[in-house]
């Protein structure tokens, strides 16, 4: 399933379900199939996402310093999916969403998905 995020401030953002749900869980503490983030709530959503990215980067640096392969720390049962998930950082996954949120916030536009 694909998630399509829409805003009048930017072009549509299409994400795979797993990635979209992960970001929505960070932004909203839930992962609804459809919803809206109002313009006035965008700064808080961006702050939560940026904090999660910073936390992920710190964790990755700590793992690298301990010389632990990232695959060993993955929480997924499927090894192939875990390696892929860990190979792509949260910062890379979140970059398009952060751009959409920033553009929408600057223009006072809501972000909707699943409608």
PDB file of N, CA and C in Angstrom:
ATOM      1  N   UNK A   1       0.845  -1.170   0.000  1.00  0.00           N
ATOM      2  CA  UNK A   1       0.000   0.000   0.000  1.00  0.00           C
ATOM      3  C   UNK A   1       0.892   1.235   0.000  1.00  0.00           C
ATOM      4  N   UNK A   2       0.450   2.260  -0.673  1.00  0.00           N
ATOM      5  CA  UNK A   2       1.177   3.522  -0.722  1.00  0.00           C
ATOM      6  C   UNK A   2       0.423   4.591   0.054  1.00  0.00           C
ATOM      7  N   UNK A   3       1.159   5.485   0.653  1.00  0.00           N
ATOM      8  CA  UNK A   3       0.581   6.656   1.300  1.00  0.00           C
ATOM      9  C   UNK A   3       0.892   7.857   0.426  1.00  0.00           C
ATOM     10  N   UNK A   4      -0.095   8.697   0.186  1.00  0.00           N
ATOM     11  CA  UNK A   4       0.097   9.908  -0.601  1.00  0.00           C
ATOM     12  C   UNK A   4      -0.207  11.105   0.303  1.00  0.00           C
ATOM     13  N   UNK A   5       0.828  11.889   0.574  1.00  0.00           N
ATOM     14  CA  UNK A   5       0.692  13.085   1.396  1.00  0.00           C
ATOM     15  C   UNK A   5       0.494  14.268   0.466  1.00  0.00           C
ATOM     16  N   UNK A   6      -0.503  15.094   0.785  1.00  0.00           N
ATOM     17  CA  UNK A   6      -0.844  16.225  -0.071  1.00  0.00           C
ATOM     18  C   UNK A   6      -0.823  17.523   0.728  1.00  0.00           C
ATOM     19  N   UNK A   7      -0.417  18.580   0.045  1.00  0.00           N
ATOM     20  CA  UNK A   7      -0.433  19.920   0.611  1.00  0.00           C
ATOM     21  C   UNK A   7      -0.541  20.907  -0.538  1.00  0.00           C
ATOM     22  N   UNK A   8      -1.209  22.006  -0.296  1.00  0.00           N
ATOM     23  CA  UNK A   8      -1.309  23.044  -1.323  1.00  0.00           C
ATOM     24  C   UNK A   8       0.020  23.764  -1.507  1.00  0.00           C
ATOM     25  N   UNK A   9       0.948  23.571  -0.596  1.00  0.00           N
ATOM     26  CA  UNK A   9       2.230  24.263  -0.645  1.00  0.00           C
ATOM     27  C   UNK A   9       3.291  23.538  -1.461  1.00  0.00           C
ATOM     28  N   UNK A  10       3.069  22.253  -1.761  1.00  0.00           N
ATOM     29  CA  UNK A  10       4.106  21.463  -2.434  1.00  0.00           C
ATOM     30  C   UNK A  10       3.459  20.342  -3.242  1.00  0.00           C
ATOM     31  N   UNK A  11       4.294  19.683  -4.023  1.00  0.00           N
ATOM     32  CA  UNK A  11       3.795  18.539  -4.779  1.00  0.00           C
ATOM     33  C   UNK A  11       3.537  17.370  -3.834  1.00  0.00           C
ATOM     34  N   UNK A  12       2.799  16.387  -4.313  1.00  0.00           N
ATOM     35  CA  UNK A  12       2.454  15.228  -3.502  1.00  0.00           C
ATOM     36  C   UNK A  12       3.711  14.424  -3.135  1.00  0.00           C
ATOM     37  N   UNK A  13       3.672  13.831  -1.973  1.00  0.00           N
ATOM     38  CA  UNK A  13       4.743  12.960  -1.503  1.00  0.00           C
ATOM     39  C   UNK A  13       4.164  11.555  -1.376  1.00  0.00           C
ATOM     40  N   UNK A  14       4.726  10.616  -2.107  1.00  0.00           N
ATOM     41  CA  UNK A  14       4.248   9.239  -2.086  1.00  0.00           C
ATOM     42  C   UNK A  14       5.302   8.379  -1.398  1.00  0.00           C
ATOM     43  N   UNK A  15       4.847   7.597  -0.409  1.00  0.00           N
ATOM     44  CA  UNK A  15       5.752   6.747   0.360  1.00  0.00           C
ATOM     45  C   UNK A  15       5.164   5.349   0.485  1.00  0.00           C
ATOM     46  N   UNK A  16       6.048   4.385   0.653  1.00  0.00           N
ATOM     47  CA  UNK A  16       5.602   3.035   0.974  1.00  0.00           C
ATOM     48  C   UNK A  16       4.974   3.030   2.362  1.00  0.00           C
ATOM     49  N   UNK A  17       4.060   2.108   2.575  1.00  0.00           N
ATOM     50  CA  UNK A  17       3.299   2.066   3.822  1.00  0.00           C
ATOM     51  C   UNK A  17       4.187   1.991   5.062  1.00  0.00           C
ATOM     52  N   UNK A  18       5.172   1.108   5.061  1.00  0.00           N
ATOM     53  CA  UNK A  18       6.011   0.924   6.249  1.00  0.00           C
ATOM     54  C   UNK A  18       6.756   2.211   6.614  1.00  0.00           C
ATOM     55  N   UNK A  19       7.289   2.887   5.616  1.00  0.00           N
ATOM     56  CA  UNK A  19       8.020   4.129   5.876  1.00  0.00           C
ATOM     57  C   UNK A  19       7.081   5.231   6.346  1.00  0.00           C
ATOM     58  N   UNK A  20       5.933   5.336   5.703  1.00  0.00           N
ATOM     59  CA  UNK A  20       4.961   6.370   6.074  1.00  0.00           C
ATOM     60  C   UNK A  20       4.455   6.145   7.494  1.00  0.00           C
ATOM     61  N   UNK A  21       4.143   4.912   7.818  1.00  0.00           N
ATOM     62  CA  UNK A  21       3.644   4.619   9.170  1.00  0.00           C
ATOM     63  C   UNK A  21       4.716   4.913  10.222  1.00  0.00           C
ATOM     64  N   UNK A  22       5.949   4.624   9.911  1.00  0.00           N
ATOM     65  CA  UNK A  22       7.040   4.910  10.849  1.00  0.00           C
ATOM     66  C   UNK A  22       7.132   6.415  11.121  1.00  0.00           C
ATOM     67  N   UNK A  23       7.065   7.213  10.063  1.00  0.00           N
ATOM     68  CA  UNK A  23       7.137   8.669  10.230  1.00  0.00           C
ATOM     69  C   UNK A  23       5.905   9.219  10.929  1.00  0.00           C
ATOM     70  N   UNK A  24       4.734   8.701  10.590  1.00  0.00           N
ATOM     71  CA  UNK A  24       3.504   9.161  11.247  1.00  0.00           C
ATOM     72  C   UNK A  24       3.521   8.814  12.729  1.00  0.00           C
ATOM     73  N   UNK A  25       4.067   7.658  13.071  1.00  0.00           N
ATOM     74  CA  UNK A  25       4.170   7.263  14.478  1.00  0.00           C
ATOM     75  C   UNK A  25       5.046   8.264  15.247  1.00  0.00           C
ATOM     76  N   UNK A  26       6.096   8.736  14.605  1.00  0.00           N
ATOM     77  CA  UNK A  26       6.967   9.729  15.234  1.00  0.00           C
ATOM     78  C   UNK A  26       6.245  11.066  15.357  1.00  0.00           C
ATOM     79  N   UNK A  27       5.610  11.487  14.284  1.00  0.00           N
ATOM     80  CA  UNK A  27       4.977  12.809  14.241  1.00  0.00           C
ATOM     81  C   UNK A  27       3.734  12.882  15.118  1.00  0.00           C
ATOM     82  N   UNK A  28       2.896  11.839  15.070  1.00  0.00           N
ATOM     83  CA  UNK A  28       1.582  11.887  15.712  1.00  0.00           C
ATOM     84  C   UNK A  28       1.406  10.931  16.885  1.00  0.00           C
ATOM     85  N   UNK A  29       2.365  10.073  17.149  1.00  0.00           N
ATOM     86  CA  UNK A  29       2.250   9.003  18.145  1.00  0.00           C
ATOM     87  C   UNK A  29       1.195   7.974  17.753  1.00  0.00           C
ATOM     88  N   UNK A  30       0.793   7.959  16.502  1.00  0.00           N
ATOM     89  CA  UNK A  30      -0.103   6.952  15.948  1.00  0.00           C
ATOM     90  C   UNK A  30       0.149   6.923  14.448  1.00  0.00           C
ATOM     91  N   UNK A  31      -0.432   5.964  13.773  1.00  0.00           N
ATOM     92  CA  UNK A  31      -0.189   5.855  12.332  1.00  0.00           C
ATOM     93  C   UNK A  31      -1.500   5.613  11.568  1.00  0.00           C
ATOM     94  N   UNK A  32      -2.366   6.588  11.536  1.00  0.00           N
ATOM     95  CA  UNK A  32      -3.646   6.417  10.851  1.00  0.00           C
ATOM     96  C   UNK A  32      -3.482   6.319   9.336  1.00  0.00           C
ATOM     97  N   UNK A  33      -4.401   5.591   8.708  1.00  0.00           N
ATOM     98  CA  UNK A  33      -4.372   5.416   7.263  1.00  0.00           C
ATOM     99  C   UNK A  33      -4.738   6.728   6.563  1.00  0.00           C
ATOM    100  N   UNK A  34      -5.560   7.527   7.190  1.00  0.00           N
ATOM    101  CA  UNK A  34      -5.863   8.840   6.639  1.00  0.00           C
ATOM    102  C   UNK A  34      -5.877   9.850   7.770  1.00  0.00           C
ATOM    103  N   UNK A  35      -5.599  11.096   7.433  1.00  0.00           N
ATOM    104  CA  UNK A  35      -5.577  12.105   8.465  1.00  0.00           C
ATOM    105  C   UNK A  35      -5.129  13.450   7.947  1.00  0.00           C
ATOM    106  N   UNK A  36      -4.883  14.331   8.906  1.00  0.00           N
ATOM    107  CA  UNK A  36      -4.491  15.691   8.591  1.00  0.00           C
ATOM    108  C   UNK A  36      -3.602  16.221   9.708  1.00  0.00           C
ATOM    109  N   UNK A  37      -2.610  16.988   9.314  1.00  0.00           N
ATOM    110  CA  UNK A  37      -1.825  17.765  10.273  1.00  0.00           C
ATOM    111  C   UNK A  37      -2.115  19.213   9.929  1.00  0.00           C
ATOM    112  N   UNK A  38      -2.762  19.897  10.843  1.00  0.00           N
ATOM    113  CA  UNK A  38      -3.132  21.291  10.611  1.00  0.00           C
ATOM    114  C   UNK A  38      -1.896  22.177  10.575  1.00  0.00           C
ATOM    115  N   UNK A  39      -2.016  23.278   9.864  1.00  0.00           N
ATOM    116  CA  UNK A  39      -0.885  24.200   9.691  1.00  0.00           C
ATOM    117  C   UNK A  39      -0.313  24.635  11.036  1.00  0.00           C
ATOM    118  N   UNK A  40      -1.162  24.891  12.017  1.00  0.00           N
ATOM    119  CA  UNK A  40      -0.659  25.354  13.315  1.00  0.00           C
ATOM    120  C   UNK A  40       0.070  24.253  14.084  1.00  0.00           C
ATOM    121  N   UNK A  41      -0.139  22.984  13.709  1.00  0.00           N
ATOM    122  CA  UNK A  41       0.529  21.872  14.372  1.00  0.00           C
ATOM    123  C   UNK A  41       1.819  21.450  13.676  1.00  0.00           C
ATOM    124  N   UNK A  42       2.114  22.022  12.528  1.00  0.00           N
ATOM    125  CA  UNK A  42       3.295  21.621  11.758  1.00  0.00           C
ATOM    126  C   UNK A  42       4.621  21.889  12.475  1.00  0.00           C
ATOM    127  N   UNK A  43       4.806  23.029  13.136  1.00  0.00           N
ATOM    128  CA  UNK A  43       6.085  23.234  13.836  1.00  0.00           C
ATOM    129  C   UNK A  43       6.379  22.155  14.886  1.00  0.00           C
ATOM    130  N   UNK A  44       5.357  21.747  15.633  1.00  0.00           N
ATOM    131  CA  UNK A  44       5.557  20.690  16.629  1.00  0.00           C
ATOM    132  C   UNK A  44       5.863  19.359  15.955  1.00  0.00           C
ATOM    133  N   UNK A  45       5.199  19.080  14.842  1.00  0.00           N
ATOM    134  CA  UNK A  45       5.449  17.840  14.102  1.00  0.00           C
ATOM    135  C   UNK A  45       6.875  17.816  13.569  1.00  0.00           C
ATOM    136  N   UNK A  46       7.330  18.935  13.032  1.00  0.00           N
ATOM    137  CA  UNK A  46       8.705  19.013  12.536  1.00  0.00           C
ATOM    138  C   UNK A  46       9.706  18.828  13.668  1.00  0.00           C
ATOM    139  N   UNK A  47       9.440  19.417  14.807  1.00  0.00           N
ATOM    140  CA  UNK A  47      10.347  19.297  15.946  1.00  0.00           C
ATOM    141  C   UNK A  47      10.460  17.844  16.404  1.00  0.00           C
ATOM    142  N   UNK A  48       9.333  17.118  16.460  1.00  0.00           N
ATOM    143  CA  UNK A  48       9.376  15.705  16.864  1.00  0.00           C
ATOM    144  C   UNK A  48      10.156  14.871  15.856  1.00  0.00           C
ATOM    145  N   UNK A  49       9.947  15.137  14.575  1.00  0.00           N
ATOM    146  CA  UNK A  49      10.650  14.381  13.540  1.00  0.00           C
ATOM    147  C   UNK A  49      12.149  14.692  13.555  1.00  0.00           C
ATOM    148  N   UNK A  50      12.508  15.952  13.705  1.00  0.00           N
ATOM    149  CA  UNK A  50      13.921  16.329  13.767  1.00  0.00           C
ATOM    150  C   UNK A  50      14.603  15.744  15.000  1.00  0.00           C
ATOM    151  N   UNK A  51      13.886  15.694  16.122  1.00  0.00           N
ATOM    152  CA  UNK A  51      14.445  15.091  17.341  1.00  0.00           C
ATOM    153  C   UNK A  51      14.673  13.593  17.145  1.00  0.00           C
ATOM    154  N   UNK A  52      13.746  12.919  16.484  1.00  0.00           N
ATOM    155  CA  UNK A  52      13.895  11.487  16.221  1.00  0.00           C
ATOM    156  C   UNK A  52      15.066  11.230  15.277  1.00  0.00           C
ATOM    157  N   UNK A  53      15.249  12.090  14.295  1.00  0.00           N
ATOM    158  CA  UNK A  53      16.378  11.961  13.372  1.00  0.00           C
ATOM    159  C   UNK A  53      17.688  12.138  14.130  1.00  0.00           C
ATOM    160  N   UNK A  54      17.755  13.141  14.993  1.00  0.00           N
ATOM    161  CA  UNK A  54      18.964  13.377  15.787  1.00  0.00           C
ATOM    162  C   UNK A  54      19.262  12.183  16.693  1.00  0.00           C
ATOM    163  N   UNK A  55      18.225  11.617  17.298  1.00  0.00           N
ATOM    164  CA  UNK A  55      18.390  10.437  18.157  1.00  0.00           C
ATOM    165  C   UNK A  55      18.914   9.254  17.347  1.00  0.00           C
ATOM    166  N   UNK A  56      18.357   9.044  16.155  1.00  0.00           N
ATOM    167  CA  UNK A  56      18.787   7.951  15.292  1.00  0.00           C
ATOM    168  C   UNK A  56      20.242   8.132  14.876  1.00  0.00           C
ATOM    169  N   UNK A  57      20.625   9.339  14.527  1.00  0.00           N
ATOM    170  CA  UNK A  57      22.015   9.599  14.125  1.00  0.00           C
ATOM    171  C   UNK A  57      22.969   9.358  15.293  1.00  0.00           C
ATOM    172  N   UNK A  58      22.574   9.762  16.494  1.00  0.00           N
ATOM    173  CA  UNK A  58      23.413   9.524  17.667  1.00  0.00           C
ATOM    174  C   UNK A  58      23.574   8.024  17.929  1.00  0.00           C
ATOM    175  N   UNK A  59      22.491   7.283  17.777  1.00  0.00           N
ATOM    176  CA  UNK A  59      22.538   5.834  17.964  1.00  0.00           C
ATOM    177  C   UNK A  59      23.441   5.181  16.929  1.00  0.00           C
ATOM    178  N   UNK A  60      23.348   5.634  15.683  1.00  0.00           N
ATOM    179  CA  UNK A  60      24.199   5.083  14.619  1.00  0.00           C
ATOM    180  C   UNK A  60      25.674   5.366  14.899  1.00  0.00           C
ATOM    181  N   UNK A  61      25.987   6.568  15.372  1.00  0.00           N
ATOM    182  CA  UNK A  61      27.375   6.907  15.690  1.00  0.00           C
ATOM    183  C   UNK A  61      27.889   6.066  16.847  1.00  0.00           C
ATOM    184  N   UNK A  62      27.030   5.833  17.836  1.00  0.00           N
ATOM    185  CA  UNK A  62      27.427   5.017  18.982  1.00  0.00           C
ATOM    186  C   UNK A  62      27.703   3.583  18.538  1.00  0.00           C
ATOM    187  N   UNK A  63      26.851   3.037  17.667  1.00  0.00           N
ATOM    188  CA  UNK A  63      27.075   1.687  17.149  1.00  0.00           C
ATOM    189  C   UNK A  63      28.382   1.606  16.374  1.00  0.00           C
ATOM    190  N   UNK A  64      28.638   2.623  15.568  1.00  0.00           N
ATOM    191  CA  UNK A  64      29.867   2.638  14.771  1.00  0.00           C
ATOM    192  C   UNK A  64      31.089   2.698  15.687  1.00  0.00           C
ATOM    193  N   UNK A  65      30.989   3.466  16.762  1.00  0.00           N
ATOM    194  CA  UNK A  65      32.106   3.579  17.700  1.00  0.00           C
ATOM    195  C   UNK A  65      32.368   2.262  18.422  1.00  0.00           C
ATOM    196  N   UNK A  66      31.333   1.488  18.630  1.00  0.00           N
ATOM    197  CA  UNK A  66      31.474   0.197  19.303  1.00  0.00           C
ATOM    198  C   UNK A  66      31.811  -0.915  18.322  1.00  0.00           C
ATOM    199  N   UNK A  67      31.878  -0.562  17.024  1.00  0.00           N
ATOM    200  CA  UNK A  67      32.184  -1.525  15.959  1.00  0.00           C
ATOM    201  C   UNK A  67      31.216  -2.692  15.905  1.00  0.00           C
ATOM    202  N   UNK A  68      29.948  -2.428  16.220  1.00  0.00           N
ATOM    203  CA  UNK A  68      28.924  -3.460  16.107  1.00  0.00           C
ATOM    204  C   UNK A  68      28.287  -3.342  14.733  1.00  0.00           C
ATOM    205  N   UNK A  69      28.174  -4.436  14.032  1.00  0.00           N
ATOM    206  CA  UNK A  69      27.447  -4.374  12.765  1.00  0.00           C
ATOM    207  C   UNK A  69      25.997  -3.992  13.025  1.00  0.00           C
ATOM    208  N   UNK A  70      25.475  -3.108  12.208  1.00  0.00           N
ATOM    209  CA  UNK A  70      24.109  -2.639  12.403  1.00  0.00           C
ATOM    210  C   UNK A  70      23.095  -3.764  12.282  1.00  0.00           C
ATOM    211  N   UNK A  71      23.407  -4.789  11.500  1.00  0.00           N
ATOM    212  CA  UNK A  71      22.462  -5.884  11.318  1.00  0.00           C
ATOM    213  C   UNK A  71      22.192  -6.608  12.637  1.00  0.00           C
ATOM    214  N   UNK A  72      23.189  -6.654  13.526  1.00  0.00           N
ATOM    215  CA  UNK A  72      23.019  -7.360  14.793  1.00  0.00           C
ATOM    216  C   UNK A  72      22.041  -6.648  15.713  1.00  0.00           C
ATOM    217  N   UNK A  73      21.901  -5.358  15.561  1.00  0.00           N
ATOM    218  CA  UNK A  73      21.036  -4.611  16.457  1.00  0.00           C
ATOM    219  C   UNK A  73      19.644  -4.401  15.890  1.00  0.00           C
ATOM    220  N   UNK A  74      19.402  -4.885  14.694  1.00  0.00           N
ATOM    221  CA  UNK A  74      18.084  -4.711  14.071  1.00  0.00           C
ATOM    222  C   UNK A  74      17.039  -5.496  14.853  1.00  0.00           C
ATOM    223  N   UNK A  75      15.863  -4.942  14.940  1.00  0.00           N
ATOM    224  CA  UNK A  75      14.803  -5.573  15.715  1.00  0.00           C
ATOM    225  C   UNK A  75      13.857  -6.384  14.838  1.00  0.00           C
ATOM    226  N   UNK A  76      14.036  -6.397  13.561  1.00  0.00           N
ATOM    227  CA  UNK A  76      13.136  -7.109  12.657  1.00  0.00           C
ATOM    228  C   UNK A  76      13.525  -8.578  12.578  1.00  0.00           C
ATOM    229  N   UNK A  77      12.544  -9.427  12.380  1.00  0.00           N
ATOM    230  CA  UNK A  77      12.789 -10.863  12.296  1.00  0.00           C
ATOM    231  C   UNK A  77      13.397 -11.249  10.948  1.00  0.00           C
ATOM    232  N   UNK A  78      12.982 -10.617   9.904  1.00  0.00           N
ATOM    233  CA  UNK A  78      13.472 -10.936   8.564  1.00  0.00           C
ATOM    234  C   UNK A  78      14.832 -10.282   8.361  1.00  0.00           C
ATOM    235  N   UNK A  79      15.874 -11.080   8.194  1.00  0.00           N
ATOM    236  CA  UNK A  79      17.234 -10.555   8.083  1.00  0.00           C
ATOM    237  C   UNK A  79      17.409  -9.618   6.909  1.00  0.00           C
ATOM    238  N   UNK A  80      16.884  -9.973   5.748  1.00  0.00           N
ATOM    239  CA  UNK A  80      17.023  -9.119   4.572  1.00  0.00           C
ATOM    240  C   UNK A  80      16.374  -7.773   4.769  1.00  0.00           C
ATOM    241  N   UNK A  81      15.177  -7.769   5.344  1.00  0.00           N
ATOM    242  CA  UNK A  81      14.471  -6.508   5.591  1.00  0.00           C
ATOM    243  C   UNK A  81      15.188  -5.687   6.657  1.00  0.00           C
ATOM    244  N   UNK A  82      15.727  -6.361   7.665  1.00  0.00           N
ATOM    245  CA  UNK A  82      16.434  -5.659   8.733  1.00  0.00           C
ATOM    246  C   UNK A  82      17.667  -4.956   8.190  1.00  0.00           C
ATOM    247  N   UNK A  83      18.423  -5.642   7.332  1.00  0.00           N
ATOM    248  CA  UNK A  83      19.629  -5.041   6.765  1.00  0.00           C
ATOM    249  C   UNK A  83      19.277  -3.829   5.920  1.00  0.00           C
ATOM    250  N   UNK A  84      18.231  -3.956   5.132  1.00  0.00           N
ATOM    251  CA  UNK A  84      17.811  -2.840   4.293  1.00  0.00           C
ATOM    252  C   UNK A  84      17.315  -1.687   5.154  1.00  0.00           C
ATOM    253  N   UNK A  85      16.531  -2.005   6.170  1.00  0.00           N
ATOM    254  CA  UNK A  85      15.982  -0.973   7.045  1.00  0.00           C
ATOM    255  C   UNK A  85      17.107  -0.208   7.740  1.00  0.00           C
ATOM    256  N   UNK A  86      18.125  -0.921   8.198  1.00  0.00           N
ATOM    257  CA  UNK A  86      19.232  -0.290   8.893  1.00  0.00           C
ATOM    258  C   UNK A  86      20.176   0.420   7.931  1.00  0.00           C
ATOM    259  N   UNK A  87      20.223  -0.022   6.681  1.00  0.00           N
ATOM    260  CA  UNK A  87      21.115   0.589   5.710  1.00  0.00           C
ATOM    261  C   UNK A  87      20.657   1.996   5.340  1.00  0.00           C
ATOM    262  N   UNK A  88      19.372   2.230   5.381  1.00  0.00           N
ATOM    263  CA  UNK A  88      18.820   3.547   5.059  1.00  0.00           C
ATOM    264  C   UNK A  88      18.460   4.223   6.376  1.00  0.00           C
ATOM    265  N   UNK A  89      19.095   5.344   6.634  1.00  0.00           N
ATOM    266  CA  UNK A  89      18.895   6.011   7.918  1.00  0.00           C
ATOM    267  C   UNK A  89      17.546   6.716   7.986  1.00  0.00           C
ATOM    268  N   UNK A  90      17.135   7.008   9.194  1.00  0.00           N
ATOM    269  CA  UNK A  90      15.894   7.753   9.400  1.00  0.00           C
ATOM    270  C   UNK A  90      16.004   9.139   8.763  1.00  0.00           C
ATOM    271  N   UNK A  91      17.179   9.721   8.797  1.00  0.00           N
ATOM    272  CA  UNK A  91      17.373  11.041   8.182  1.00  0.00           C
ATOM    273  C   UNK A  91      17.059  10.989   6.688  1.00  0.00           C
ATOM    274  N   UNK A  92      17.473   9.915   6.027  1.00  0.00           N
ATOM    275  CA  UNK A  92      17.188   9.774   4.601  1.00  0.00           C
ATOM    276  C   UNK A  92      15.703   9.545   4.357  1.00  0.00           C
ATOM    277  N   UNK A  93      15.070   8.748   5.189  1.00  0.00           N
ATOM    278  CA  UNK A  93      13.643   8.476   5.040  1.00  0.00           C
ATOM    279  C   UNK A  93      12.806   9.724   5.347  1.00  0.00           C
ATOM    280  N   UNK A  94      13.255  10.512   6.310  1.00  0.00           N
ATOM    281  CA  UNK A  94      12.472  11.657   6.765  1.00  0.00           C
ATOM    282  C   UNK A  94      12.686  12.922   5.942  1.00  0.00           C
ATOM    283  N   UNK A  95      13.744  12.994   5.165  1.00  0.00           N
ATOM    284  CA  UNK A  95      14.068  14.226   4.425  1.00  0.00           C
ATOM    285  C   UNK A  95      12.918  14.731   3.544  1.00  0.00           C
ATOM    286  N   UNK A  96      12.288  13.883   2.729  1.00  0.00           N
ATOM    287  CA  UNK A  96      11.182  14.398   1.918  1.00  0.00           C
ATOM    288  C   UNK A  96       9.993  14.879   2.764  1.00  0.00           C
ATOM    289  N   UNK A  97       9.721  14.167   3.865  1.00  0.00           N
ATOM    290  CA  UNK A  97       8.618  14.573   4.744  1.00  0.00           C
ATOM    291  C   UNK A  97       8.935  15.901   5.416  1.00  0.00           C
ATOM    292  N   UNK A  98      10.173  16.064   5.890  1.00  0.00           N
ATOM    293  CA  UNK A  98      10.553  17.329   6.507  1.00  0.00           C
ATOM    294  C   UNK A  98      10.433  18.486   5.523  1.00  0.00           C
ATOM    295  N   UNK A  99      10.820  18.254   4.286  1.00  0.00           N
ATOM    296  CA  UNK A  99      10.699  19.292   3.259  1.00  0.00           C
ATOM    297  C   UNK A  99       9.240  19.663   3.048  1.00  0.00           C
ATOM    298  N   UNK A 100       8.367  18.664   2.963  1.00  0.00           N
ATOM    299  CA  UNK A 100       6.936  18.917   2.799  1.00  0.00           C
ATOM    300  C   UNK A 100       6.379  19.690   3.989  1.00  0.00           C
ATOM    301  N   UNK A 101       6.748  19.287   5.189  1.00  0.00           N
ATOM    302  CA  UNK A 101       6.262  19.966   6.391  1.00  0.00           C
ATOM    303  C   UNK A 101       6.751  21.411   6.450  1.00  0.00           C
ATOM    304  N   UNK A 102       8.010  21.654   6.097  1.00  0.00           N
ATOM    305  CA  UNK A 102       8.560  23.011   6.132  1.00  0.00           C
ATOM    306  C   UNK A 102       7.886  23.919   5.110  1.00  0.00           C
ATOM    307  N   UNK A 103       7.713  23.425   3.894  1.00  0.00           N
ATOM    308  CA  UNK A 103       7.041  24.223   2.865  1.00  0.00           C
ATOM    309  C   UNK A 103       5.598  24.518   3.260  1.00  0.00           C
ATOM    310  N   UNK A 104       4.932  23.519   3.803  1.00  0.00           N
ATOM    311  CA  UNK A 104       3.545  23.694   4.217  1.00  0.00           C
ATOM    312  C   UNK A 104       3.434  24.674   5.374  1.00  0.00           C
ATOM    313  N   UNK A 105       4.344  24.583   6.309  1.00  0.00           N
ATOM    314  CA  UNK A 105       4.339  25.494   7.456  1.00  0.00           C
ATOM    315  C   UNK A 105       4.587  26.930   7.009  1.00  0.00           C
ATOM    316  N   UNK A 106       5.528  27.104   6.096  1.00  0.00           N
ATOM    317  CA  UNK A 106       5.856  28.452   5.617  1.00  0.00           C
ATOM    318  C   UNK A 106       4.665  29.110   4.911  1.00  0.00           C
ATOM    319  N   UNK A 107       3.840  28.295   4.247  1.00  0.00           N
ATOM    320  CA  UNK A 107       2.696  28.845   3.525  1.00  0.00           C
ATOM    321  C   UNK A 107       1.386  28.693   4.285  1.00  0.00           C
ATOM    322  N   UNK A 108       1.438  28.140   5.482  1.00  0.00           N
ATOM    323  CA  UNK A 108       0.226  27.989   6.295  1.00  0.00           C
ATOM    324  C   UNK A 108      -0.758  26.979   5.721  1.00  0.00           C
ATOM    325  N   UNK A 109      -0.238  25.942   5.072  1.00  0.00           N
ATOM    326  CA  UNK A 109      -1.081  24.931   4.449  1.00  0.00           C
ATOM    327  C   UNK A 109      -1.090  23.655   5.280  1.00  0.00           C
ATOM    328  N   UNK A 110      -2.233  22.995   5.342  1.00  0.00           N
ATOM    329  CA  UNK A 110      -2.363  21.720   6.035  1.00  0.00           C
ATOM    330  C   UNK A 110      -1.742  20.608   5.200  1.00  0.00           C
ATOM    331  N   UNK A 111      -1.373  19.508   5.857  1.00  0.00           N
ATOM    332  CA  UNK A 111      -0.891  18.304   5.179  1.00  0.00           C
ATOM    333  C   UNK A 111      -1.922  17.213   5.422  1.00  0.00           C
ATOM    334  N   UNK A 112      -2.406  16.602   4.334  1.00  0.00           N
ATOM    335  CA  UNK A 112      -3.406  15.541   4.449  1.00  0.00           C
ATOM    336  C   UNK A 112      -2.898  14.287   3.748  1.00  0.00           C
ATOM    337  N   UNK A 113      -3.460  13.151   4.108  1.00  0.00           N
ATOM    338  CA  UNK A 113      -3.130  11.898   3.428  1.00  0.00           C
ATOM    339  C   UNK A 113      -4.324  10.952   3.536  1.00  0.00           C
ATOM    340  N   UNK A 114      -4.381  10.043   2.567  1.00  0.00           N
ATOM    341  CA  UNK A 114      -5.416   9.012   2.575  1.00  0.00           C
ATOM    342  C   UNK A 114      -6.802   9.487   2.199  1.00  0.00           C
ATOM    343  N   UNK A 115      -6.906  10.666   1.638  1.00  0.00           N
ATOM    344  CA  UNK A 115      -8.230  11.181   1.243  1.00  0.00           C
ATOM    345  C   UNK A 115      -8.316  11.332  -0.244  1.00  0.00           C
TER     346      UNK A 115
END
